[in-house]
Amino acid sequence: MAAFFMFLAAAQLSPAILDAYENITPQVASRRVAACGAGAVVIRTDAVLDVDILVVTAAAVSDAQLICVEKAASFYPVEFPPSVQPRFDAVREARSTALMAAEGRKWLKDHGLLDRLPTYRPGVTDDEMFRREVEQLCGTQEARRSTDGPHAIDREWPRQRGTDAWSGDESMACLLNVTWAAGFKLGFIGREQDEVPRK
């Protein structure tokens, strides 16, 4: 579900990301997922998160079927048995990461910052140093640090700025677009029910 929440955040900041997904009902999505041959699909509504989840019960699913399900489900979260879920999450994360990276690079180009994008190589680049470079580039040095490390932002930071974290804040947009474009995973820390961007 974490990837789903970051996708929602990305879509709020850059609605163009939604162009890669079809605007369909959960009923249509469930029929399309079932057509991938991965087993029966049930729609479960999470009242706390206010989201419809497609639940697939099959425990034996091929890689081709997972790719089919990921596309067929559009933007809806999909829940598999624990033995399958990590494989599906990897497929979904790969697609959403590629989309956000492309959108991040477009945003940086539109704002004349693409040539200043710092290089990030997982396992090679010092994460804390990279984050400091990004904060200097975006003017977000006052971003509150979470005890969870350089990949986390406390959700109270944008609230204290008096801005909507999901729209209208150029510094926040810069911070997220730079990290997306560079492939540096950055997320918000907060209660799960607060992770869904408010409409």
C-alpha atoms as a PDB file:
ATOM      1  CA  MET A   1       0.000   0.000   0.000  1.00  0.00           C
ATOM      2  CA  ALA A   2       2.930   2.350   0.553  1.00  0.00           C
ATOM      3  CA  ALA A   3       3.538   2.590  -3.204  1.00  0.00           C
ATOM      4  CA  PHE A   4      -0.153   3.406  -3.699  1.00  0.00           C
ATOM      5  CA  PHE A   5       0.016   6.322  -1.252  1.00  0.00           C
ATOM      6  CA  MET A   6       3.134   7.725  -2.896  1.00  0.00           C
ATOM      7  CA  PHE A   7       1.398   7.400  -6.262  1.00  0.00           C
ATOM      8  CA  LEU A   8      -1.534   9.437  -4.908  1.00  0.00           C
ATOM      9  CA  ALA A   9       0.860  12.077  -3.635  1.00  0.00           C
ATOM     10  CA  ALA A  10       2.577  12.195  -7.024  1.00  0.00           C
ATOM     11  CA  ALA A  11      -0.756  12.509  -8.826  1.00  0.00           C
ATOM     12  CA  GLN A  12      -1.754  15.430  -6.595  1.00  0.00           C
ATOM     13  CA  LEU A  13       1.482  17.252  -7.374  1.00  0.00           C
ATOM     14  CA  SER A  14       1.498  16.295 -11.044  1.00  0.00           C
ATOM     15  CA  PRO A  15      -1.899  15.282 -12.438  1.00  0.00           C
ATOM     16  CA  ALA A  16      -0.171  14.359 -15.731  1.00  0.00           C
ATOM     17  CA  ILE A  17       0.907  11.116 -14.053  1.00  0.00           C
ATOM     18  CA  LEU A  18      -2.735  10.030 -14.094  1.00  0.00           C
ATOM     19  CA  ASP A  19      -2.688  10.092 -17.908  1.00  0.00           C
ATOM     20  CA  ALA A  20      -0.898   6.726 -17.781  1.00  0.00           C
ATOM     21  CA  TYR A  21      -3.880   5.194 -15.958  1.00  0.00           C
ATOM     22  CA  GLU A  22      -7.444   4.717 -17.122  1.00  0.00           C
ATOM     23  CA  ASN A  23     -10.282   6.330 -15.193  1.00  0.00           C
ATOM     24  CA  ILE A  24     -12.439   3.259 -14.615  1.00  0.00           C
ATOM     25  CA  THR A  25     -14.725   2.008 -11.861  1.00  0.00           C
ATOM     26  CA  PRO A  26     -13.534  -0.695  -9.456  1.00  0.00           C
ATOM     27  CA  GLN A  27     -16.113  -3.043 -11.019  1.00  0.00           C
ATOM     28  CA  VAL A  28     -14.566  -2.606 -14.476  1.00  0.00           C
ATOM     29  CA  ALA A  29     -11.081  -2.970 -13.012  1.00  0.00           C
ATOM     30  CA  SER A  30     -12.027  -6.185 -11.207  1.00  0.00           C
ATOM     31  CA  ARG A  31     -13.424  -7.711 -14.422  1.00  0.00           C
ATOM     32  CA  ARG A  32     -10.279  -6.779 -16.309  1.00  0.00           C
ATOM     33  CA  VAL A  33      -8.062  -8.213 -13.570  1.00  0.00           C
ATOM     34  CA  ALA A  34     -10.070 -11.456 -13.593  1.00  0.00           C
ATOM     35  CA  ALA A  35      -9.548 -11.653 -17.375  1.00  0.00           C
ATOM     36  CA  CYS A  36      -5.789 -11.887 -16.733  1.00  0.00           C
ATOM     37  CA  GLY A  37      -6.416 -15.427 -15.489  1.00  0.00           C
ATOM     38  CA  ALA A  38      -5.086 -14.832 -11.997  1.00  0.00           C
ATOM     39  CA  GLY A  39      -8.203 -16.102 -10.263  1.00  0.00           C
ATOM     40  CA  ALA A  40     -11.363 -14.628  -8.795  1.00  0.00           C
ATOM     41  CA  VAL A  41     -11.387 -10.967  -7.768  1.00  0.00           C
ATOM     42  CA  VAL A  42     -13.352  -9.397  -4.920  1.00  0.00           C
ATOM     43  CA  ILE A  43     -13.700  -5.659  -4.298  1.00  0.00           C
ATOM     44  CA  ARG A  44     -13.065  -4.676  -0.688  1.00  0.00           C
ATOM     45  CA  THR A  45     -13.705  -1.120   0.447  1.00  0.00           C
ATOM     46  CA  ASP A  46     -11.471   0.245   3.184  1.00  0.00           C
ATOM     47  CA  ALA A  47     -13.675   2.793   4.949  1.00  0.00           C
ATOM     48  CA  VAL A  48     -10.803   4.306   6.934  1.00  0.00           C
ATOM     49  CA  LEU A  49      -8.660   4.967   3.864  1.00  0.00           C
ATOM     50  CA  ASP A  50     -11.678   5.564   1.620  1.00  0.00           C
ATOM     51  CA  VAL A  51     -10.288   3.346  -1.115  1.00  0.00           C
ATOM     52  CA  ASP A  52     -11.489   0.312  -3.072  1.00  0.00           C
ATOM     53  CA  ILE A  53      -9.040  -2.604  -3.064  1.00  0.00           C
ATOM     54  CA  LEU A  54      -9.060  -5.450  -5.592  1.00  0.00           C
ATOM     55  CA  VAL A  55      -8.482  -8.714  -3.722  1.00  0.00           C
ATOM     56  CA  VAL A  56      -7.098 -11.618  -5.765  1.00  0.00           C
ATOM     57  CA  THR A  57      -7.124 -14.996  -4.010  1.00  0.00           C
ATOM     58  CA  ALA A  58      -4.927 -17.053  -6.380  1.00  0.00           C
ATOM     59  CA  ALA A  59      -1.686 -18.232  -4.785  1.00  0.00           C
ATOM     60  CA  ALA A  60      -0.039 -19.332  -8.052  1.00  0.00           C
ATOM     61  CA  VAL A  61       0.367 -16.437 -10.490  1.00  0.00           C
ATOM     62  CA  SER A  62       2.855 -16.119 -13.342  1.00  0.00           C
ATOM     63  CA  ASP A  63       4.986 -13.030 -13.955  1.00  0.00           C
ATOM     64  CA  ALA A  64       3.033 -12.375 -17.162  1.00  0.00           C
ATOM     65  CA  GLN A  65      -0.235 -12.461 -15.216  1.00  0.00           C
ATOM     66  CA  LEU A  66       1.137 -10.035 -12.619  1.00  0.00           C
ATOM     67  CA  ILE A  67       2.077  -7.580 -15.364  1.00  0.00           C
ATOM     68  CA  CYS A  68      -1.396  -7.993 -16.855  1.00  0.00           C
ATOM     69  CA  VAL A  69      -3.062  -7.429 -13.457  1.00  0.00           C
ATOM     70  CA  GLU A  70      -0.981  -4.330 -12.744  1.00  0.00           C
ATOM     71  CA  LYS A  71      -2.114  -2.696 -15.979  1.00  0.00           C
ATOM     72  CA  ALA A  72      -5.708  -3.968 -15.787  1.00  0.00           C
ATOM     73  CA  ALA A  73      -6.178  -2.648 -12.242  1.00  0.00           C
ATOM     74  CA  SER A  74      -5.347   0.898 -13.342  1.00  0.00           C
ATOM     75  CA  PHE A  75      -4.726   2.980 -10.194  1.00  0.00           C
ATOM     76  CA  TYR A  76      -6.545   0.637  -7.775  1.00  0.00           C
ATOM     77  CA  PRO A  77      -4.533  -1.150  -5.061  1.00  0.00           C
ATOM     78  CA  VAL A  78      -4.399  -4.920  -5.520  1.00  0.00           C
ATOM     79  CA  GLU A  79      -4.111  -7.391  -2.658  1.00  0.00           C
ATOM     80  CA  PHE A  80      -2.694 -10.882  -3.257  1.00  0.00           C
ATOM     81  CA  PRO A  81      -1.921 -13.715  -0.822  1.00  0.00           C
ATOM     82  CA  PRO A  82       1.333 -13.046   1.110  1.00  0.00           C
ATOM     83  CA  SER A  83       3.294 -15.449  -1.107  1.00  0.00           C
ATOM     84  CA  VAL A  84       2.478 -13.383  -4.201  1.00  0.00           C
ATOM     85  CA  GLN A  85       2.161  -9.815  -2.889  1.00  0.00           C
ATOM     86  CA  PRO A  86       5.892  -8.894  -2.930  1.00  0.00           C
ATOM     87  CA  ARG A  87       6.172  -9.918  -6.594  1.00  0.00           C
ATOM     88  CA  PHE A  88       3.168  -7.810  -7.546  1.00  0.00           C
ATOM     89  CA  ASP A  89       4.414  -4.857  -5.486  1.00  0.00           C
ATOM     90  CA  ALA A  90       7.737  -5.022  -7.346  1.00  0.00           C
ATOM     91  CA  VAL A  91       5.928  -4.865 -10.708  1.00  0.00           C
ATOM     92  CA  ARG A  92       3.769  -1.945  -9.581  1.00  0.00           C
ATOM     93  CA  GLU A  93       6.653  -0.068  -8.018  1.00  0.00           C
ATOM     94  CA  ALA A  94       8.773  -0.421 -11.158  1.00  0.00           C
ATOM     95  CA  ARG A  95       6.037   1.138 -13.284  1.00  0.00           C
ATOM     96  CA  SER A  96       5.158   3.954 -10.881  1.00  0.00           C
ATOM     97  CA  THR A  97       8.840   4.724 -10.281  1.00  0.00           C
ATOM     98  CA  ALA A  98       9.472   5.036 -14.030  1.00  0.00           C
ATOM     99  CA  LEU A  99       6.448   7.307 -14.450  1.00  0.00           C
ATOM    100  CA  MET A 100       7.436   9.542 -11.531  1.00  0.00           C
ATOM    101  CA  ALA A 101      11.055   9.725 -12.724  1.00  0.00           C
ATOM    102  CA  ALA A 102       9.936  10.847 -16.194  1.00  0.00           C
ATOM    103  CA  GLU A 103       7.555  13.407 -14.727  1.00  0.00           C
ATOM    104  CA  GLY A 104      10.252  14.633 -12.337  1.00  0.00           C
ATOM    105  CA  ARG A 105      12.678  15.192 -15.207  1.00  0.00           C
ATOM    106  CA  LYS A 106       9.986  17.029 -17.174  1.00  0.00           C
ATOM    107  CA  TRP A 107       9.231  19.296 -14.198  1.00  0.00           C
ATOM    108  CA  LEU A 108      12.935  20.046 -13.730  1.00  0.00           C
ATOM    109  CA  LYS A 109      13.367  20.834 -17.426  1.00  0.00           C
ATOM    110  CA  ASP A 110      10.330  23.149 -17.373  1.00  0.00           C
ATOM    111  CA  HIS A 111      11.826  24.972 -14.361  1.00  0.00           C
ATOM    112  CA  GLY A 112      15.361  25.200 -15.783  1.00  0.00           C
ATOM    113  CA  LEU A 113      16.811  22.856 -13.161  1.00  0.00           C
ATOM    114  CA  LEU A 114      17.477  19.648 -15.087  1.00  0.00           C
ATOM    115  CA  ASP A 115      21.171  20.402 -15.602  1.00  0.00           C
ATOM    116  CA  ARG A 116      21.530  20.876 -11.825  1.00  0.00           C
ATOM    117  CA  LEU A 117      20.032  17.481 -10.947  1.00  0.00           C
ATOM    118  CA  PRO A 118      22.398  15.768  -8.486  1.00  0.00           C
ATOM    119  CA  THR A 119      23.446  12.221  -9.325  1.00  0.00           C
ATOM    120  CA  TYR A 120      22.227   9.478  -7.018  1.00  0.00           C
ATOM    121  CA  ARG A 121      23.459   5.883  -7.155  1.00  0.00           C
ATOM    122  CA  PRO A 122      21.933   3.534  -4.553  1.00  0.00           C
ATOM    123  CA  GLY A 123      24.580   1.920  -2.399  1.00  0.00           C
ATOM    124  CA  VAL A 124      27.248   4.319  -3.670  1.00  0.00           C
ATOM    125  CA  THR A 125      26.015   7.864  -3.002  1.00  0.00           C
ATOM    126  CA  ASP A 126      25.873   8.964   0.636  1.00  0.00           C
ATOM    127  CA  ASP A 127      22.138   9.352   1.297  1.00  0.00           C
ATOM    128  CA  GLU A 128      22.460  12.166   3.820  1.00  0.00           C
ATOM    129  CA  MET A 129      24.815  14.138   1.581  1.00  0.00           C
ATOM    130  CA  PHE A 130      22.489  13.703  -1.394  1.00  0.00           C
ATOM    131  CA  ARG A 131      19.502  14.903   0.614  1.00  0.00           C
ATOM    132  CA  ARG A 132      21.432  18.008   1.683  1.00  0.00           C
ATOM    133  CA  GLU A 133      22.239  18.742  -1.986  1.00  0.00           C
ATOM    134  CA  VAL A 134      18.550  18.441  -2.874  1.00  0.00           C
ATOM    135  CA  GLU A 135      17.488  20.688  -0.005  1.00  0.00           C
ATOM    136  CA  GLN A 136      19.994  23.348  -1.083  1.00  0.00           C
ATOM    137  CA  LEU A 137      18.775  23.143  -4.675  1.00  0.00           C
ATOM    138  CA  CYS A 138      15.109  23.436  -3.671  1.00  0.00           C
ATOM    139  CA  GLY A 139      15.475  25.833  -0.729  1.00  0.00           C
ATOM    140  CA  THR A 140      14.052  23.317   1.716  1.00  0.00           C
ATOM    141  CA  GLN A 141      16.884  23.242   4.248  1.00  0.00           C
ATOM    142  CA  GLU A 142      14.353  23.789   7.023  1.00  0.00           C
ATOM    143  CA  ALA A 143      12.654  20.480   6.226  1.00  0.00           C
ATOM    144  CA  ARG A 144      12.163  18.642   9.479  1.00  0.00           C
ATOM    145  CA  ARG A 145      14.248  15.505   9.772  1.00  0.00           C
ATOM    146  CA  SER A 146      12.558  12.313  10.809  1.00  0.00           C
ATOM    147  CA  THR A 147      14.257   9.887  13.156  1.00  0.00           C
ATOM    148  CA  ASP A 148      13.646   7.346  10.367  1.00  0.00           C
ATOM    149  CA  GLY A 149      16.569   8.663   8.329  1.00  0.00           C
ATOM    150  CA  PRO A 150      17.251  10.749   5.199  1.00  0.00           C
ATOM    151  CA  HIS A 151      14.519   9.053   3.156  1.00  0.00           C
ATOM    152  CA  ALA A 152      11.697  10.299   5.395  1.00  0.00           C
ATOM    153  CA  ILE A 153       9.966  13.636   5.914  1.00  0.00           C
ATOM    154  CA  ASP A 154       7.782  14.334   8.917  1.00  0.00           C
ATOM    155  CA  ARG A 155       4.299  15.219   7.655  1.00  0.00           C
ATOM    156  CA  GLU A 156       4.208  18.146  10.096  1.00  0.00           C
ATOM    157  CA  TRP A 157       6.861  19.995   8.083  1.00  0.00           C
ATOM    158  CA  PRO A 158       4.588  21.184   5.242  1.00  0.00           C
ATOM    159  CA  ARG A 159       1.792  21.892   7.722  1.00  0.00           C
ATOM    160  CA  GLN A 160       4.096  24.153   9.700  1.00  0.00           C
ATOM    161  CA  ARG A 161       4.941  25.975   6.480  1.00  0.00           C
ATOM    162  CA  GLY A 162       1.269  26.867   6.214  1.00  0.00           C
ATOM    163  CA  THR A 163       0.971  25.180   2.838  1.00  0.00           C
ATOM    164  CA  ASP A 164      -0.851  22.260   1.308  1.00  0.00           C
ATOM    165  CA  ALA A 165       1.793  19.549   0.953  1.00  0.00           C
ATOM    166  CA  TRP A 166       0.119  18.155  -2.127  1.00  0.00           C
ATOM    167  CA  SER A 167      -0.288  21.268  -4.259  1.00  0.00           C
ATOM    168  CA  GLY A 168       0.725  24.886  -4.593  1.00  0.00           C
ATOM    169  CA  ASP A 169       4.102  24.658  -2.822  1.00  0.00           C
ATOM    170  CA  GLU A 170       6.964  25.048  -5.305  1.00  0.00           C
ATOM    171  CA  SER A 171       9.612  24.050  -2.758  1.00  0.00           C
ATOM    172  CA  MET A 172       7.754  20.836  -1.942  1.00  0.00           C
ATOM    173  CA  ALA A 173       7.218  20.159  -5.653  1.00  0.00           C
ATOM    174  CA  CYS A 174      10.936  20.715  -6.277  1.00  0.00           C
ATOM    175  CA  LEU A 175      11.960  18.406  -3.423  1.00  0.00           C
ATOM    176  CA  LEU A 176       9.763  15.577  -4.661  1.00  0.00           C
ATOM    177  CA  ASN A 177      10.446  16.009  -8.385  1.00  0.00           C
ATOM    178  CA  VAL A 178      14.226  16.088  -7.848  1.00  0.00           C
ATOM    179  CA  THR A 179      14.147  12.928  -5.735  1.00  0.00           C
ATOM    180  CA  TRP A 180      11.832  11.168  -8.221  1.00  0.00           C
ATOM    181  CA  ALA A 181      14.045  12.110 -11.158  1.00  0.00           C
ATOM    182  CA  ALA A 182      17.184  10.962  -9.356  1.00  0.00           C
ATOM    183  CA  GLY A 183      15.689   7.692  -8.122  1.00  0.00           C
ATOM    184  CA  PHE A 184      16.020   8.638  -4.441  1.00  0.00           C
ATOM    185  CA  LYS A 185      13.101   7.227  -2.464  1.00  0.00           C
ATOM    186  CA  LEU A 186      11.550   9.837  -0.206  1.00  0.00           C
ATOM    187  CA  GLY A 187       8.381   9.368   1.798  1.00  0.00           C
ATOM    188  CA  PHE A 188       6.249  10.959   4.475  1.00  0.00           C
ATOM    189  CA  ILE A 189       6.043   9.782   8.053  1.00  0.00           C
ATOM    190  CA  GLY A 190       2.625   9.851   9.665  1.00  0.00           C
ATOM    191  CA  ARG A 191      -0.319   7.753  10.705  1.00  0.00           C
ATOM    192  CA  GLU A 192      -1.435   5.529   7.817  1.00  0.00           C
ATOM    193  CA  GLN A 193      -4.914   7.066   7.711  1.00  0.00           C
ATOM    194  CA  ASP A 194      -3.294  10.475   7.166  1.00  0.00           C
ATOM    195  CA  GLU A 195      -1.234   9.281   4.226  1.00  0.00           C
ATOM    196  CA  VAL A 196      -4.049   9.728   1.694  1.00  0.00           C
ATOM    197  CA  PRO A 197      -4.016  13.233   0.189  1.00  0.00           C
ATOM    198  CA  ARG A 198      -7.153  15.127   1.080  1.00  0.00           C
ATOM    199  CA  LYS A 199      -9.517  16.138  -1.726  1.00  0.00           C
END
